PDB file of N, CA and C in Angstrom:
ATOM      1  N   UNK A   1      24.439  23.186  48.848  1.00  0.00           N
ATOM      2  CA  UNK A   1      24.622  22.599  47.575  1.00  0.00           C
ATOM      3  C   UNK A   1      22.877  23.648  46.836  1.00  0.00           C
ATOM      4  N   UNK A   2      22.452  23.907  47.360  1.00  0.00           N
ATOM      5  CA  UNK A   2      20.638  24.378  46.851  1.00  0.00           C
ATOM      6  C   UNK A   2      20.822  25.925  46.785  1.00  0.00           C
ATOM      7  N   UNK A   3      21.704  26.240  47.998  1.00  0.00           N
ATOM      8  CA  UNK A   3      21.879  27.990  47.791  1.00  0.00           C
ATOM      9  C   UNK A   3      22.971  27.851  46.561  1.00  0.00           C
ATOM     10  N   UNK A   4      23.943  26.697  46.534  1.00  0.00           N
ATOM     11  CA  UNK A   4      24.751  27.487  44.949  1.00  0.00           C
ATOM     12  C   UNK A   4      24.336  26.721  43.412  1.00  0.00           C
ATOM     13  N   UNK A   5      23.191  25.724  43.507  1.00  0.00           N
ATOM     14  CA  UNK A   5      23.057  25.821  42.668  1.00  0.00           C
ATOM     15  C   UNK A   5      20.996  26.938  42.437  1.00  0.00           C
ATOM     16  N   UNK A   6      20.632  27.298  43.016  1.00  0.00           N
ATOM     17  CA  UNK A   6      20.139  28.516  43.533  1.00  0.00           C
ATOM     18  C   UNK A   6      20.912  30.125  42.378  1.00  0.00           C
ATOM     19  N   UNK A   7      22.441  30.563  43.680  1.00  0.00           N
ATOM     20  CA  UNK A   7      22.323  30.811  43.043  1.00  0.00           C
ATOM     21  C   UNK A   7      23.836  31.369  41.639  1.00  0.00           C
ATOM     22  N   UNK A   8      23.856  30.411  41.258  1.00  0.00           N
ATOM     23  CA  UNK A   8      24.148  29.996  39.733  1.00  0.00           C
ATOM     24  C   UNK A   8      22.905  30.172  38.451  1.00  0.00           C
ATOM     25  N   UNK A   9      21.572  30.072  38.771  1.00  0.00           N
ATOM     26  CA  UNK A   9      20.334  29.525  37.966  1.00  0.00           C
ATOM     27  C   UNK A   9      20.537  31.305  38.101  1.00  0.00           C
ATOM     28  N   UNK A  10      20.466  31.862  39.255  1.00  0.00           N
ATOM     29  CA  UNK A  10      19.713  33.299  39.540  1.00  0.00           C
ATOM     30  C   UNK A  10      21.344  34.160  38.513  1.00  0.00           C
ATOM     31  N   UNK A  11      22.379  33.761  39.025  1.00  0.00           N
ATOM     32  CA  UNK A  11      23.406  34.285  37.535  1.00  0.00           C
ATOM     33  C   UNK A  11      22.651  34.276  36.646  1.00  0.00           C
ATOM     34  N   UNK A  12      22.965  33.358  36.003  1.00  0.00           N
ATOM     35  CA  UNK A  12      22.773  32.802  34.789  1.00  0.00           C
ATOM     36  C   UNK A  12      21.584  33.942  34.509  1.00  0.00           C
ATOM     37  N   UNK A  13      20.818  33.530  34.559  1.00  0.00           N
ATOM     38  CA  UNK A  13      19.392  33.893  34.202  1.00  0.00           C
ATOM     39  C   UNK A  13      19.157  35.649  34.391  1.00  0.00           C
ATOM     40  N   UNK A  14      20.715  35.948  35.110  1.00  0.00           N
ATOM     41  CA  UNK A  14      20.522  37.788  35.154  1.00  0.00           C
ATOM     42  C   UNK A  14      21.648  38.078  33.788  1.00  0.00           C
ATOM     43  N   UNK A  15      22.285  37.276  33.233  1.00  0.00           N
ATOM     44  CA  UNK A  15      23.372  37.317  32.634  1.00  0.00           C
ATOM     45  C   UNK A  15      23.018  37.318  31.081  1.00  0.00           C
ATOM     46  N   UNK A  16      21.667  35.591  31.029  1.00  0.00           N
ATOM     47  CA  UNK A  16      20.891  35.528  30.056  1.00  0.00           C
ATOM     48  C   UNK A  16      19.817  37.114  29.608  1.00  0.00           C
ATOM     49  N   UNK A  17      19.284  37.987  30.239  1.00  0.00           N
ATOM     50  CA  UNK A  17      18.489  38.304  30.706  1.00  0.00           C
ATOM     51  C   UNK A  17      19.312  40.160  29.612  1.00  0.00           C
ATOM     52  N   UNK A  18      20.565  39.862  30.795  1.00  0.00           N
ATOM     53  CA  UNK A  18      21.403  41.518  30.408  1.00  0.00           C
ATOM     54  C   UNK A  18      21.685  41.424  28.575  1.00  0.00           C
ATOM     55  N   UNK A  19      22.095  40.512  28.439  1.00  0.00           N
ATOM     56  CA  UNK A  19      22.394  40.291  26.662  1.00  0.00           C
ATOM     57  C   UNK A  19      21.230  40.071  26.260  1.00  0.00           C
ATOM     58  N   UNK A  20      20.263  39.864  26.115  1.00  0.00           N
ATOM     59  CA  UNK A  20      19.185  39.751  25.485  1.00  0.00           C
ATOM     60  C   UNK A  20      18.678  41.415  25.405  1.00  0.00           C
ATOM     61  N   UNK A  21      18.517  41.606  26.439  1.00  0.00           N
ATOM     62  CA  UNK A  21      17.580  43.062  26.024  1.00  0.00           C
ATOM     63  C   UNK A  21      19.362  43.993  25.043  1.00  0.00           C
ATOM     64  N   UNK A  22      20.469  43.879  25.933  1.00  0.00           N
ATOM     65  CA  UNK A  22      21.526  45.042  24.823  1.00  0.00           C
ATOM     66  C   UNK A  22      21.728  44.062  23.605  1.00  0.00           C
ATOM     67  N   UNK A  23      21.429  42.751  23.387  1.00  0.00           N
ATOM     68  CA  UNK A  23      20.982  42.567  21.440  1.00  0.00           C
ATOM     69  C   UNK A  23      19.899  43.396  21.300  1.00  0.00           C
ATOM     70  N   UNK A  24      18.405  42.846  21.532  1.00  0.00           N
ATOM     71  CA  UNK A  24      17.304  43.505  21.004  1.00  0.00           C
ATOM     72  C   UNK A  24      17.354  45.165  21.210  1.00  0.00           C
ATOM     73  N   UNK A  25      18.338  45.800  21.684  1.00  0.00           N
ATOM     74  CA  UNK A  25      18.339  47.342  21.331  1.00  0.00           C
ATOM     75  C   UNK A  25      18.751  47.562  20.652  1.00  0.00           C
ATOM     76  N   UNK A  26      19.295  47.087  19.344  1.00  0.00           N
ATOM     77  CA  UNK A  26      20.771  47.536  18.318  1.00  0.00           C
ATOM     78  C   UNK A  26      19.721  46.910  16.908  1.00  0.00           C
ATOM     79  N   UNK A  27      18.712  48.235  16.987  1.00  0.00           N
ATOM     80  CA  UNK A  27      17.975  47.712  15.760  1.00  0.00           C
ATOM     81  C   UNK A  27      18.655  49.090  14.711  1.00  0.00           C
ATOM     82  N   UNK A  28      18.724  48.793  13.198  1.00  0.00           N
ATOM     83  CA  UNK A  28      19.165  49.802  13.010  1.00  0.00           C
ATOM     84  C   UNK A  28      18.896  51.097  11.766  1.00  0.00           C
ATOM     85  N   UNK A  29      17.180  51.265  12.421  1.00  0.00           N
ATOM     86  CA  UNK A  29      17.042  52.619  13.193  1.00  0.00           C
ATOM     87  C   UNK A  29      17.124  53.216  13.558  1.00  0.00           C
ATOM     88  N   UNK A  30      17.741  52.972  14.492  1.00  0.00           N
ATOM     89  CA  UNK A  30      18.484  54.592  15.443  1.00  0.00           C
ATOM     90  C   UNK A  30      19.475  53.596  16.363  1.00  0.00           C
ATOM     91  N   UNK A  31      20.603  54.965  14.878  1.00  0.00           N
ATOM     92  CA  UNK A  31      21.161  54.895  15.041  1.00  0.00           C
ATOM     93  C   UNK A  31      21.658  56.610  15.432  1.00  0.00           C
ATOM     94  N   UNK A  32      22.689  56.824  16.122  1.00  0.00           N
ATOM     95  CA  UNK A  32      23.266  57.558  16.531  1.00  0.00           C
ATOM     96  C   UNK A  32      24.721  58.492  15.724  1.00  0.00           C
ATOM     97  N   UNK A  33      25.111  59.441  14.148  1.00  0.00           N
ATOM     98  CA  UNK A  33      25.850  59.389  14.039  1.00  0.00           C
ATOM     99  C   UNK A  33      26.688  58.610  13.607  1.00  0.00           C
ATOM    100  N   UNK A  34      25.591  57.419  12.825  1.00  0.00           N
ATOM    101  CA  UNK A  34      26.394  56.702  12.539  1.00  0.00           C
ATOM    102  C   UNK A  34      26.779  55.546  13.387  1.00  0.00           C
ATOM    103  N   UNK A  35      26.267  55.460  14.540  1.00  0.00           N
ATOM    104  CA  UNK A  35      27.175  54.031  15.263  1.00  0.00           C
ATOM    105  C   UNK A  35      26.214  54.434  15.960  1.00  0.00           C
ATOM    106  N   UNK A  36      25.993  52.687  16.467  1.00  0.00           N
ATOM    107  CA  UNK A  36      24.603  51.727  17.321  1.00  0.00           C
ATOM    108  C   UNK A  36      25.075  52.345  19.004  1.00  0.00           C
ATOM    109  N   UNK A  37      24.487  53.037  19.800  1.00  0.00           N
ATOM    110  CA  UNK A  37      25.113  52.630  21.509  1.00  0.00           C
ATOM    111  C   UNK A  37      23.331  51.986  21.770  1.00  0.00           C
ATOM    112  N   UNK A  38      24.308  51.280  22.549  1.00  0.00           N
ATOM    113  CA  UNK A  38      22.762  50.253  23.143  1.00  0.00           C
ATOM    114  C   UNK A  38      22.507  50.888  24.328  1.00  0.00           C
ATOM    115  N   UNK A  39      23.334  52.318  24.531  1.00  0.00           N
ATOM    116  CA  UNK A  39      22.613  52.564  26.619  1.00  0.00           C
ATOM    117  C   UNK A  39      21.872  53.288  25.595  1.00  0.00           C
ATOM    118  N   UNK A  40      21.416  55.039  24.511  1.00  0.00           N
ATOM    119  CA  UNK A  40      21.079  55.339  24.863  1.00  0.00           C
ATOM    120  C   UNK A  40      20.078  54.889  23.764  1.00  0.00           C
ATOM    121  N   UNK A  41      19.661  53.687  23.147  1.00  0.00           N
ATOM    122  CA  UNK A  41      18.521  53.049  22.909  1.00  0.00           C
ATOM    123  C   UNK A  41      17.585  52.220  23.655  1.00  0.00           C
ATOM    124  N   UNK A  42      18.760  51.773  24.690  1.00  0.00           N
ATOM    125  CA  UNK A  42      17.346  51.406  26.398  1.00  0.00           C
ATOM    126  C   UNK A  42      17.135  52.912  26.192  1.00  0.00           C
ATOM    127  N   UNK A  43      17.790  53.594  27.009  1.00  0.00           N
ATOM    128  CA  UNK A  43      17.409  54.900  27.490  1.00  0.00           C
ATOM    129  C   UNK A  43      15.337  55.375  26.461  1.00  0.00           C
ATOM    130  N   UNK A  44      15.113  55.573  24.783  1.00  0.00           N
ATOM    131  CA  UNK A  44      14.484  56.425  24.166  1.00  0.00           C
ATOM    132  C   UNK A  44      13.412  54.591  24.795  1.00  0.00           C
ATOM    133  N   UNK A  45      13.948  54.098  25.204  1.00  0.00           N
ATOM    134  CA  UNK A  45      12.667  52.510  25.482  1.00  0.00           C
ATOM    135  C   UNK A  45      11.848  52.513  26.823  1.00  0.00           C
ATOM    136  N   UNK A  46      13.410  53.022  27.134  1.00  0.00           N
ATOM    137  CA  UNK A  46      12.590  52.831  28.835  1.00  0.00           C
ATOM    138  C   UNK A  46      13.563  51.968  29.712  1.00  0.00           C
ATOM    139  N   UNK A  47      14.528  51.383  29.322  1.00  0.00           N
ATOM    140  CA  UNK A  47      14.369  49.729  29.145  1.00  0.00           C
ATOM    141  C   UNK A  47      16.127  50.611  30.217  1.00  0.00           C
ATOM    142  N   UNK A  48      15.943  50.853  30.591  1.00  0.00           N
ATOM    143  CA  UNK A  48      17.777  51.028  31.103  1.00  0.00           C
ATOM    144  C   UNK A  48      17.871  50.388  32.507  1.00  0.00           C
ATOM    145  N   UNK A  49      16.841  51.053  33.048  1.00  0.00           N
ATOM    146  CA  UNK A  49      16.498  50.773  34.595  1.00  0.00           C
ATOM    147  C   UNK A  49      16.498  48.991  34.417  1.00  0.00           C
ATOM    148  N   UNK A  50      15.885  48.623  33.492  1.00  0.00           N
ATOM    149  CA  UNK A  50      15.835  46.836  33.952  1.00  0.00           C
ATOM    150  C   UNK A  50      16.803  45.716  33.135  1.00  0.00           C
ATOM    151  N   UNK A  51      17.589  47.134  32.854  1.00  0.00           N
ATOM    152  CA  UNK A  51      19.366  46.507  32.453  1.00  0.00           C
ATOM    153  C   UNK A  51      20.086  46.619  34.100  1.00  0.00           C
ATOM    154  N   UNK A  52      19.612  47.307  34.817  1.00  0.00           N
ATOM    155  CA  UNK A  52      20.439  47.614  35.886  1.00  0.00           C
ATOM    156  C   UNK A  52      19.474  46.715  37.027  1.00  0.00           C
ATOM    157  N   UNK A  53      18.644  46.656  36.884  1.00  0.00           N
ATOM    158  CA  UNK A  53      17.764  45.461  38.069  1.00  0.00           C
ATOM    159  C   UNK A  53      18.350  43.943  36.556  1.00  0.00           C
ATOM    160  N   UNK A  54      18.877  44.089  36.394  1.00  0.00           N
ATOM    161  CA  UNK A  54      19.226  42.278  35.471  1.00  0.00           C
ATOM    162  C   UNK A  54      20.793  42.043  35.527  1.00  0.00           C
ATOM    163  N   UNK A  55      21.120  43.129  35.885  1.00  0.00           N
ATOM    164  CA  UNK A  55      22.371  43.201  36.239  1.00  0.00           C
ATOM    165  C   UNK A  55      23.223  43.275  37.482  1.00  0.00           C
ATOM    166  N   UNK A  56      21.899  43.383  38.737  1.00  0.00           N
ATOM    167  CA  UNK A  56      22.173  43.299  40.639  1.00  0.00           C
ATOM    168  C   UNK A  56      21.663  41.687  40.565  1.00  0.00           C
ATOM    169  N   UNK A  57      20.983  41.756  39.499  1.00  0.00           N
ATOM    170  CA  UNK A  57      20.925  40.148  39.110  1.00  0.00           C
ATOM    171  C   UNK A  57      21.676  38.394  39.808  1.00  0.00           C
ATOM    172  N   UNK A  58      22.282  39.493  39.053  1.00  0.00           N
ATOM    173  CA  UNK A  58      23.270  38.583  38.472  1.00  0.00           C
ATOM    174  C   UNK A  58      24.214  38.404  39.293  1.00  0.00           C
ATOM    175  N   UNK A  59      24.428  39.653  39.522  1.00  0.00           N
ATOM    176  CA  UNK A  59      25.519  40.096  41.059  1.00  0.00           C
ATOM    177  C   UNK A  59      25.169  39.149  42.475  1.00  0.00           C
ATOM    178  N   UNK A  60      24.151  39.748  43.010  1.00  0.00           N
ATOM    179  CA  UNK A  60      23.245  38.673  43.649  1.00  0.00           C
ATOM    180  C   UNK A  60      23.691  37.755  43.845  1.00  0.00           C
ATOM    181  N   UNK A  61      23.173  36.794  42.722  1.00  0.00           N
ATOM    182  CA  UNK A  61      23.167  35.065  42.637  1.00  0.00           C
ATOM    183  C   UNK A  61      25.029  34.698  42.491  1.00  0.00           C
ATOM    184  N   UNK A  62      25.562  35.500  42.014  1.00  0.00           N
ATOM    185  CA  UNK A  62      27.468  34.932  42.022  1.00  0.00           C
ATOM    186  C   UNK A  62      27.442  35.378  43.448  1.00  0.00           C
ATOM    187  N   UNK A  63      27.521  36.455  44.068  1.00  0.00           N
ATOM    188  CA  UNK A  63      27.184  36.647  45.916  1.00  0.00           C
ATOM    189  C   UNK A  63      26.846  35.344  46.415  1.00  0.00           C
ATOM    190  N   UNK A  64      24.850  35.508  46.372  1.00  0.00           N
ATOM    191  CA  UNK A  64      24.796  33.887  47.248  1.00  0.00           C
ATOM    192  C   UNK A  64      25.245  32.212  46.776  1.00  0.00           C
ATOM    193  N   UNK A  65      26.580  32.928  45.706  1.00  0.00           N
ATOM    194  CA  UNK A  65      26.608  30.945  44.907  1.00  0.00           C
ATOM    195  C   UNK A  65      28.389  31.284  45.377  1.00  0.00           C
ATOM    196  N   UNK A  66      28.532  32.120  45.800  1.00  0.00           N
ATOM    197  CA  UNK A  66      30.165  32.926  46.030  1.00  0.00           C
ATOM    198  C   UNK A  66      30.015  32.439  47.374  1.00  0.00           C
ATOM    199  N   UNK A  67      29.619  32.922  48.523  1.00  0.00           N
ATOM    200  CA  UNK A  67      28.950  33.079  50.054  1.00  0.00           C
ATOM    201  C   UNK A  67      28.714  31.965  50.375  1.00  0.00           C
ATOM    202  N   UNK A  68      27.454  30.834  49.376  1.00  0.00           N
ATOM    203  CA  UNK A  68      28.118  28.893  49.915  1.00  0.00           C
ATOM    204  C   UNK A  68      28.917  29.012  49.825  1.00  0.00           C
ATOM    205  N   UNK A  69      29.932  28.605  49.031  1.00  0.00           N
ATOM    206  CA  UNK A  69      31.064  27.867  48.135  1.00  0.00           C
ATOM    207  C   UNK A  69      32.034  28.369  49.597  1.00  0.00           C
ATOM    208  N   UNK A  70      32.115  29.636  50.110  1.00  0.00           N
ATOM    209  CA  UNK A  70      33.347  29.508  51.540  1.00  0.00           C
ATOM    210  C   UNK A  70      32.679  28.716  52.164  1.00  0.00           C
ATOM    211  N   UNK A  71      31.733  28.366  52.362  1.00  0.00           N
ATOM    212  CA  UNK A  71      30.998  28.419  53.605  1.00  0.00           C
ATOM    213  C   UNK A  71      31.222  27.161  53.654  1.00  0.00           C
ATOM    214  N   UNK A  72      30.968  26.167  52.244  1.00  0.00           N
ATOM    215  CA  UNK A  72      31.292  24.921  51.979  1.00  0.00           C
ATOM    216  C   UNK A  72      33.117  24.219  52.611  1.00  0.00           C
ATOM    217  N   UNK A  73      33.551  25.461  51.875  1.00  0.00           N
ATOM    218  CA  UNK A  73      35.171  24.940  52.144  1.00  0.00           C
ATOM    219  C   UNK A  73      35.517  24.962  53.776  1.00  0.00           C
ATOM    220  N   UNK A  74      34.695  25.538  54.788  1.00  0.00           N
ATOM    221  CA  UNK A  74      35.544  25.876  55.831  1.00  0.00           C
ATOM    222  C   UNK A  74      34.793  24.700  56.793  1.00  0.00           C
TER     223      UNK A  74
END
């Protein structure tokens, strides 16, 4: 049960951090051809690797929680 909660919290924190990072890069002064691209803005600030780390944290949390749920069913 503890690993399920740990995995769920880990996944939630990764998703929230990724969403905040994507929302924070959408500033109006950094537009490309009149269109906003969060990936380009992340690269400008050097935060693209941080996004990848946050997504990896969310995926690892999902794997931990789902593996514990499968163990619990057996």
